[in-house]
N, C-alpha and C. Protein backbone atom coordinates (compact mmCIF):
# COMPACT_ATOMS: atom_id res chain seq x y z
N UNK A 1 9.14 13.83 -4.65
CA UNK A 1 8.41 12.53 -4.42
C UNK A 1 7.08 12.86 -3.81
N UNK A 2 6.48 13.87 -3.91
CA UNK A 2 5.36 14.39 -3.89
C UNK A 2 4.31 13.59 -4.99
N UNK A 3 4.58 13.51 -6.19
CA UNK A 3 3.67 13.15 -7.29
C UNK A 3 4.10 11.74 -7.82
N UNK A 4 4.85 10.95 -6.68
CA UNK A 4 5.01 9.84 -6.69
C UNK A 4 3.79 8.95 -6.38
N UNK A 5 3.75 7.85 -7.15
CA UNK A 5 2.59 6.65 -6.56
C UNK A 5 3.50 5.26 -6.26
N UNK A 6 3.49 4.71 -5.23
CA UNK A 6 3.98 3.40 -5.06
C UNK A 6 3.11 2.58 -5.05
N UNK A 7 2.78 1.62 -5.62
CA UNK A 7 2.16 0.45 -5.82
C UNK A 7 2.58 -0.97 -5.43
N UNK A 8 1.95 -1.26 -4.27
CA UNK A 8 2.24 -2.61 -3.96
C UNK A 8 1.32 -3.63 -4.04
N UNK A 9 1.67 -4.77 -4.64
CA UNK A 9 1.15 -5.60 -5.11
C UNK A 9 1.08 -7.16 -4.56
N UNK A 10 1.85 -7.05 -3.74
CA UNK A 10 2.40 -8.43 -3.04
C UNK A 10 1.93 -8.24 -1.73
N UNK A 11 1.89 -9.26 -0.71
CA UNK A 11 1.45 -9.11 0.86
C UNK A 11 3.28 -9.35 1.07
N UNK A 12 3.69 -8.65 0.79
CA UNK A 12 5.40 -8.41 1.16
C UNK A 12 5.98 -7.60 0.21
N UNK A 13 7.05 -7.96 -0.02
CA UNK A 13 7.97 -7.41 -1.28
C UNK A 13 9.12 -8.49 -1.53
N UNK A 14 9.19 -8.40 -3.03
CA UNK A 14 9.67 -9.83 -3.50
C UNK A 14 9.38 -10.57 -3.76
N UNK A 15 9.62 -11.66 -4.20
CA UNK A 15 9.03 -13.22 -4.38
C UNK A 15 9.94 -13.98 -3.85
N UNK A 16 9.27 -15.31 -3.61
CA UNK A 16 9.88 -15.96 -2.80
C UNK A 16 9.31 -16.54 -1.29
N UNK A 17 10.43 -16.29 -0.53
CA UNK A 17 9.91 -16.29 0.82
C UNK A 17 9.18 -15.40 1.56
N UNK A 18 8.08 -16.28 1.97
CA UNK A 18 7.15 -15.09 2.61
C UNK A 18 7.45 -14.58 3.45
N UNK A 19 8.12 -15.01 4.78
CA UNK A 19 8.68 -14.36 5.69
C UNK A 19 9.82 -13.18 5.22
N UNK A 20 10.57 -13.31 4.50
CA UNK A 20 11.36 -12.59 4.10
C UNK A 20 10.69 -11.20 3.56
N UNK A 21 9.88 -11.66 2.59
CA UNK A 21 8.92 -10.53 2.04
C UNK A 21 8.04 -9.62 3.10
N UNK A 22 7.92 -10.16 4.21
CA UNK A 22 7.28 -9.36 5.16
C UNK A 22 8.29 -8.86 5.82
N UNK A 23 9.40 -8.88 6.18
CA UNK A 23 10.35 -8.21 6.52
C UNK A 23 10.86 -7.02 5.86
N UNK A 24 10.87 -7.55 4.48
CA UNK A 24 11.63 -6.63 3.61
C UNK A 24 10.50 -5.36 3.25
N UNK A 25 9.18 -5.79 3.31
CA UNK A 25 8.21 -4.38 3.20
C UNK A 25 8.15 -3.62 4.53
N UNK A 26 8.34 -4.39 5.85
CA UNK A 26 8.14 -3.63 6.98
C UNK A 26 9.29 -2.72 7.30
N UNK A 27 10.48 -3.05 6.74
CA UNK A 27 11.75 -2.40 6.93
C UNK A 27 11.88 -0.92 5.87
N UNK A 28 11.14 -1.37 4.74
CA UNK A 28 10.95 -0.25 3.39
C UNK A 28 9.76 0.50 3.78
N UNK A 29 9.02 0.09 4.51
CA UNK A 29 7.70 1.40 4.79
C UNK A 29 8.26 1.91 6.11
N UNK A 30 8.91 1.41 7.11
CA UNK A 30 9.86 2.17 8.21
C UNK A 30 10.77 3.41 7.72
N UNK A 31 11.47 2.71 6.92
CA UNK A 31 12.31 3.80 6.53
C UNK A 31 11.61 5.14 5.49
N UNK A 32 10.62 4.47 4.89
CA UNK A 32 9.55 5.37 4.09
C UNK A 32 9.15 6.58 5.50
N UNK A 33 8.78 5.82 6.28
CA UNK A 33 8.12 6.88 7.28
C UNK A 33 9.41 8.01 7.96
N UNK A 34 10.44 7.64 7.87
CA UNK A 34 11.41 8.81 8.22
C UNK A 34 11.97 9.66 7.44
N UNK A 35 11.19 9.52 5.93
CA UNK A 35 11.58 10.64 5.06
C UNK A 35 10.94 11.84 5.58
N UNK A 36 11.47 12.88 4.99
CA UNK A 36 10.95 14.23 5.16
C UNK A 36 9.91 14.20 3.88
N UNK A 37 10.38 14.05 2.78
CA UNK A 37 9.08 14.07 1.63
C UNK A 37 8.69 12.82 1.34
N UNK A 38 7.51 12.71 1.16
CA UNK A 38 6.70 11.52 1.33
C UNK A 38 6.23 11.00 -0.08
N UNK A 39 5.68 9.90 -0.53
CA UNK A 39 4.77 10.02 -1.88
C UNK A 39 3.40 10.52 -1.53
N UNK A 40 3.00 10.81 -2.66
CA UNK A 40 1.72 11.35 -2.55
C UNK A 40 0.32 10.36 -2.33
N UNK A 41 0.92 8.82 -2.85
CA UNK A 41 -0.33 7.74 -2.57
C UNK A 41 0.36 6.48 -2.77
N UNK A 42 -0.27 5.70 -1.88
CA UNK A 42 0.50 4.05 -2.05
C UNK A 42 -0.68 3.48 -2.50
N UNK A 43 -0.77 2.48 -3.35
CA UNK A 43 -2.04 1.88 -4.08
C UNK A 43 -1.66 0.49 -3.83
N UNK A 44 -2.98 -0.15 -3.20
CA UNK A 44 -2.71 -1.82 -2.96
C UNK A 44 -3.23 -2.45 -4.05
N UNK A 45 -3.10 -3.76 -4.69
CA UNK A 45 -3.86 -4.31 -5.27
C UNK A 45 -3.22 -5.57 -5.45
N UNK A 46 -3.82 -6.36 -5.86
CA UNK A 46 -3.74 -8.29 -5.67
C UNK A 46 -3.52 -8.40 -4.14
N UNK A 47 -2.97 -9.20 -3.88
CA UNK A 47 -2.43 -9.51 -2.64
C UNK A 47 -2.00 -8.44 -1.51
N UNK A 48 -1.75 -7.40 -2.26
CA UNK A 48 -1.03 -6.39 -1.39
C UNK A 48 -1.82 -5.87 -0.77
N UNK A 49 -3.32 -6.06 -0.91
CA UNK A 49 -4.33 -5.24 -0.03
C UNK A 49 -4.31 -5.96 1.15
N UNK A 50 -3.88 -7.23 1.52
CA UNK A 50 -3.70 -7.70 2.63
C UNK A 50 -2.71 -6.88 3.91
N UNK A 51 -1.78 -6.43 3.20
CA UNK A 51 -1.40 -5.38 4.29
C UNK A 51 -1.93 -4.23 4.99
N UNK A 52 -3.03 -3.66 4.59
CA UNK A 52 -3.76 -2.92 5.40
C UNK A 52 -4.89 -3.05 5.79
N UNK A 53 -5.22 -4.67 5.97
CA UNK A 53 -5.99 -5.08 6.72
C UNK A 53 -5.37 -5.72 8.00
N UNK A 54 -6.58 -5.93 9.03
CA UNK A 54 -6.44 -6.64 10.32
C UNK A 54 -5.38 -7.92 10.33
N UNK A 55 -4.32 -7.48 10.99
CA UNK A 55 -3.50 -8.74 11.34
C UNK A 55 -1.92 -8.44 10.78
N UNK A 56 -2.28 -7.54 9.61
CA UNK A 56 -1.05 -7.28 9.20
C UNK A 56 0.06 -6.40 9.92
N UNK A 57 1.19 -7.12 9.77
CA UNK A 57 2.43 -6.88 10.46
C UNK A 57 2.79 -5.13 10.46
N UNK A 58 2.19 -4.50 9.37
CA UNK A 58 2.59 -2.89 9.00
C UNK A 58 1.69 -2.27 8.95
N UNK A 59 0.42 -2.42 9.77
CA UNK A 59 -0.83 -1.72 9.47
C UNK A 59 -0.35 -0.39 10.46
N UNK A 60 0.37 -0.44 11.42
CA UNK A 60 0.64 0.51 12.35
C UNK A 60 1.46 1.70 11.53
N UNK A 61 2.45 1.20 10.64
CA UNK A 61 3.47 1.92 9.83
C UNK A 61 2.50 2.72 9.11
N UNK A 62 1.64 1.91 8.34
CA UNK A 62 0.73 2.55 7.15
C UNK A 62 -0.03 3.49 7.93
N UNK A 63 -0.73 3.54 9.11
CA UNK A 63 -1.16 4.33 9.81
C UNK A 63 -0.57 5.65 10.10
N UNK A 64 0.66 5.43 10.50
CA UNK A 64 1.51 6.49 10.55
C UNK A 64 1.66 7.61 9.09
N UNK A 65 1.77 6.83 8.22
CA UNK A 65 2.18 7.53 6.88
C UNK A 65 0.86 8.16 6.47
N UNK A 66 -0.43 7.25 6.59
CA UNK A 66 -1.60 7.96 6.76
C UNK A 66 -1.74 9.41 7.41
N UNK A 67 -1.41 9.37 8.35
CA UNK A 67 -1.58 10.45 9.47
C UNK A 67 -0.56 11.39 8.95
N UNK A 68 0.39 11.25 8.19
CA UNK A 68 1.51 12.32 7.72
C UNK A 68 1.22 12.70 6.19
N UNK A 69 -0.06 12.18 6.02
CA UNK A 69 -0.57 12.78 4.53
C UNK A 69 -0.69 11.66 3.26
N UNK A 70 -0.03 10.39 3.41
CA UNK A 70 0.09 9.72 2.09
C UNK A 70 -1.51 9.00 2.42
N UNK A 71 -2.16 9.10 1.07
CA UNK A 71 -3.14 8.60 0.64
C UNK A 71 -3.02 7.20 0.36
N UNK A 72 -3.71 6.40 1.10
CA UNK A 72 -3.65 4.81 0.83
C UNK A 72 -4.98 4.29 0.31
N UNK A 73 -5.12 3.72 -0.96
CA UNK A 73 -6.19 3.25 -1.45
C UNK A 73 -5.86 1.79 -2.02
N UNK A 74 -6.67 1.29 -1.57
CA UNK A 74 -6.82 -0.29 -2.02
C UNK A 74 -7.95 -0.61 -2.92
N UNK A 75 -7.92 -1.89 -3.69
CA UNK A 75 -8.51 -2.32 -4.97
C UNK A 75 -9.41 -2.91 -4.34
N UNK A 76 -10.90 -2.39 -4.38
CA UNK A 76 -12.05 -2.82 -3.69
C UNK A 76 -12.20 -4.48 -4.58
N UNK A 77 -12.06 -4.37 -5.75
CA UNK A 77 -12.33 -6.14 -6.27
C UNK A 77 -11.51 -7.34 -5.63
N UNK A 78 -10.32 -6.38 -5.19
CA UNK A 78 -9.13 -7.43 -4.62
C UNK A 78 -9.49 -7.56 -3.27
N UNK A 79 -9.74 -6.51 -2.61
CA UNK A 79 -10.52 -6.85 -1.03
C UNK A 79 -11.96 -7.84 -1.13
N UNK A 80 -12.86 -7.73 -2.22
CA UNK A 80 -13.63 -8.80 -2.27
C UNK A 80 -13.45 -10.14 -2.33
N UNK A 81 -12.53 -10.28 -3.49
CA UNK A 81 -11.65 -11.33 -3.76
C UNK A 81 -11.39 -12.37 -2.44
N UNK A 82 -10.35 -11.54 -1.80
CA UNK A 82 -9.99 -12.10 -0.64
C UNK A 82 -10.48 -11.97 0.76
N UNK A 83 -12.08 -11.42 0.58
CA UNK A 83 -12.71 -11.35 1.88
C UNK A 83 -12.32 -10.68 3.02
N UNK A 84 -11.95 -9.39 2.41
CA UNK A 84 -11.12 -8.59 3.24
C UNK A 84 -11.55 -7.08 3.58
N UNK A 85 -12.73 -6.70 2.57
CA UNK A 85 -13.40 -5.77 2.81
C UNK A 85 -13.64 -5.34 4.24
N UNK A 86 -13.97 -5.93 5.24
CA UNK A 86 -14.46 -5.28 6.32
C UNK A 86 -13.26 -5.38 7.36
N UNK A 87 -12.16 -5.87 6.96
CA UNK A 87 -11.10 -5.97 7.89
C UNK A 87 -10.40 -4.90 7.24
N UNK A 88 -10.53 -4.01 6.70
CA UNK A 88 -9.52 -2.88 6.58
C UNK A 88 -8.99 -2.14 7.73
N UNK A 89 -7.96 -1.75 8.06
CA UNK A 89 -7.44 -0.82 9.06
C UNK A 89 -7.30 0.59 8.82
N UNK A 90 -6.73 0.71 7.87
CA UNK A 90 -6.07 2.04 6.92
C UNK A 90 -6.57 2.12 5.54
N UNK A 91 -6.47 3.38 5.14
CA UNK A 91 -6.56 3.89 3.71
C UNK A 91 -8.42 3.67 3.27
N UNK A 92 -8.55 3.63 2.12
CA UNK A 92 -9.90 3.67 1.38
C UNK A 92 -9.71 2.57 0.55
N UNK A 93 -11.20 2.18 0.20
CA UNK A 93 -11.12 1.23 -1.08
C UNK A 93 -11.69 1.96 -2.11
N UNK A 94 -11.06 1.60 -3.39
CA UNK A 94 -11.18 2.23 -4.36
C UNK A 94 -11.59 1.51 -5.77
N UNK A 95 -11.90 1.91 -6.89
CA UNK A 95 -11.86 0.90 -7.96
C UNK A 95 -10.51 0.96 -8.93
N UNK A 96 -10.70 0.28 -9.87
CA UNK A 96 -9.62 0.01 -10.84
C UNK A 96 -9.38 1.49 -11.44
N UNK A 97 -10.59 2.00 -11.92
CA UNK A 97 -10.58 3.18 -12.29
C UNK A 97 -9.83 4.28 -11.52
N UNK A 98 -10.14 4.07 -10.10
CA UNK A 98 -9.41 4.84 -9.39
C UNK A 98 -7.93 5.24 -9.36
N UNK A 99 -7.42 3.60 -9.48
CA UNK A 99 -6.24 3.59 -9.41
C UNK A 99 -5.52 3.87 -10.89
N UNK A 100 -6.17 3.97 -11.94
CA UNK A 100 -5.69 3.89 -13.25
C UNK A 100 -5.55 5.64 -13.15
N UNK A 101 -6.57 6.52 -12.66
CA UNK A 101 -6.35 7.87 -12.44
C UNK A 101 -5.08 8.04 -11.84
N UNK A 102 -4.91 7.54 -10.64
CA UNK A 102 -3.41 7.74 -9.87
C UNK A 102 -2.52 7.82 -10.68
N UNK A 103 -2.43 6.51 -11.69
CA UNK A 103 -1.23 6.13 -12.50
C UNK A 103 -1.12 7.35 -13.50
N UNK A 104 -2.33 7.87 -13.87
CA UNK A 104 -1.95 8.91 -14.77
C UNK A 104 -1.64 10.12 -14.53
N UNK A 105 -1.85 10.50 -13.12
CA UNK A 105 -1.40 11.74 -12.64
C UNK A 105 -0.21 11.62 -11.91
N UNK A 106 0.29 10.56 -11.71
CA UNK A 106 1.45 10.38 -11.02
C UNK A 106 2.57 10.98 -11.82
N UNK A 107 3.68 11.55 -11.53
CA UNK A 107 4.69 11.67 -12.18
C UNK A 107 5.80 10.45 -12.32
N UNK A 108 5.78 10.12 -11.33
CA UNK A 108 6.42 8.67 -11.21
C UNK A 108 5.70 7.44 -10.54
N UNK A 109 5.81 6.52 -11.02
CA UNK A 109 5.24 5.34 -10.31
C UNK A 109 6.20 4.03 -9.73
N UNK A 110 6.25 3.87 -8.89
CA UNK A 110 7.21 2.33 -8.18
C UNK A 110 6.46 1.60 -7.70
N UNK A 111 6.99 0.56 -8.70
CA UNK A 111 6.14 -0.68 -8.11
C UNK A 111 6.69 -1.87 -7.08
N UNK A 112 6.11 -2.23 -5.69
CA UNK A 112 6.73 -3.26 -5.18
C UNK A 112 5.99 -4.82 -5.52
């Protein structure tokens, strides 16, 4: 799992009902926190960047993952597009080049 990159591209998990999507991503990330072996990186882009910002129902879970050594990187272009660059609560803003480098270095990529 150490060489795994998880990519989150939605403000939630799955397509369809938004409330269910938030419930699912919250459950997924909570269960991930309970694992002994964690992914190296979680990258957020498109609407997924909303999850790392103020008001997100999963920001505390993400903070725990970050404290446990998981690198959290959000697409700066996406943050700017949604007007969220100043509302980041966890992680760092990176470029699309940074995300591509993470993808190339990953042994495994999981898309949510």
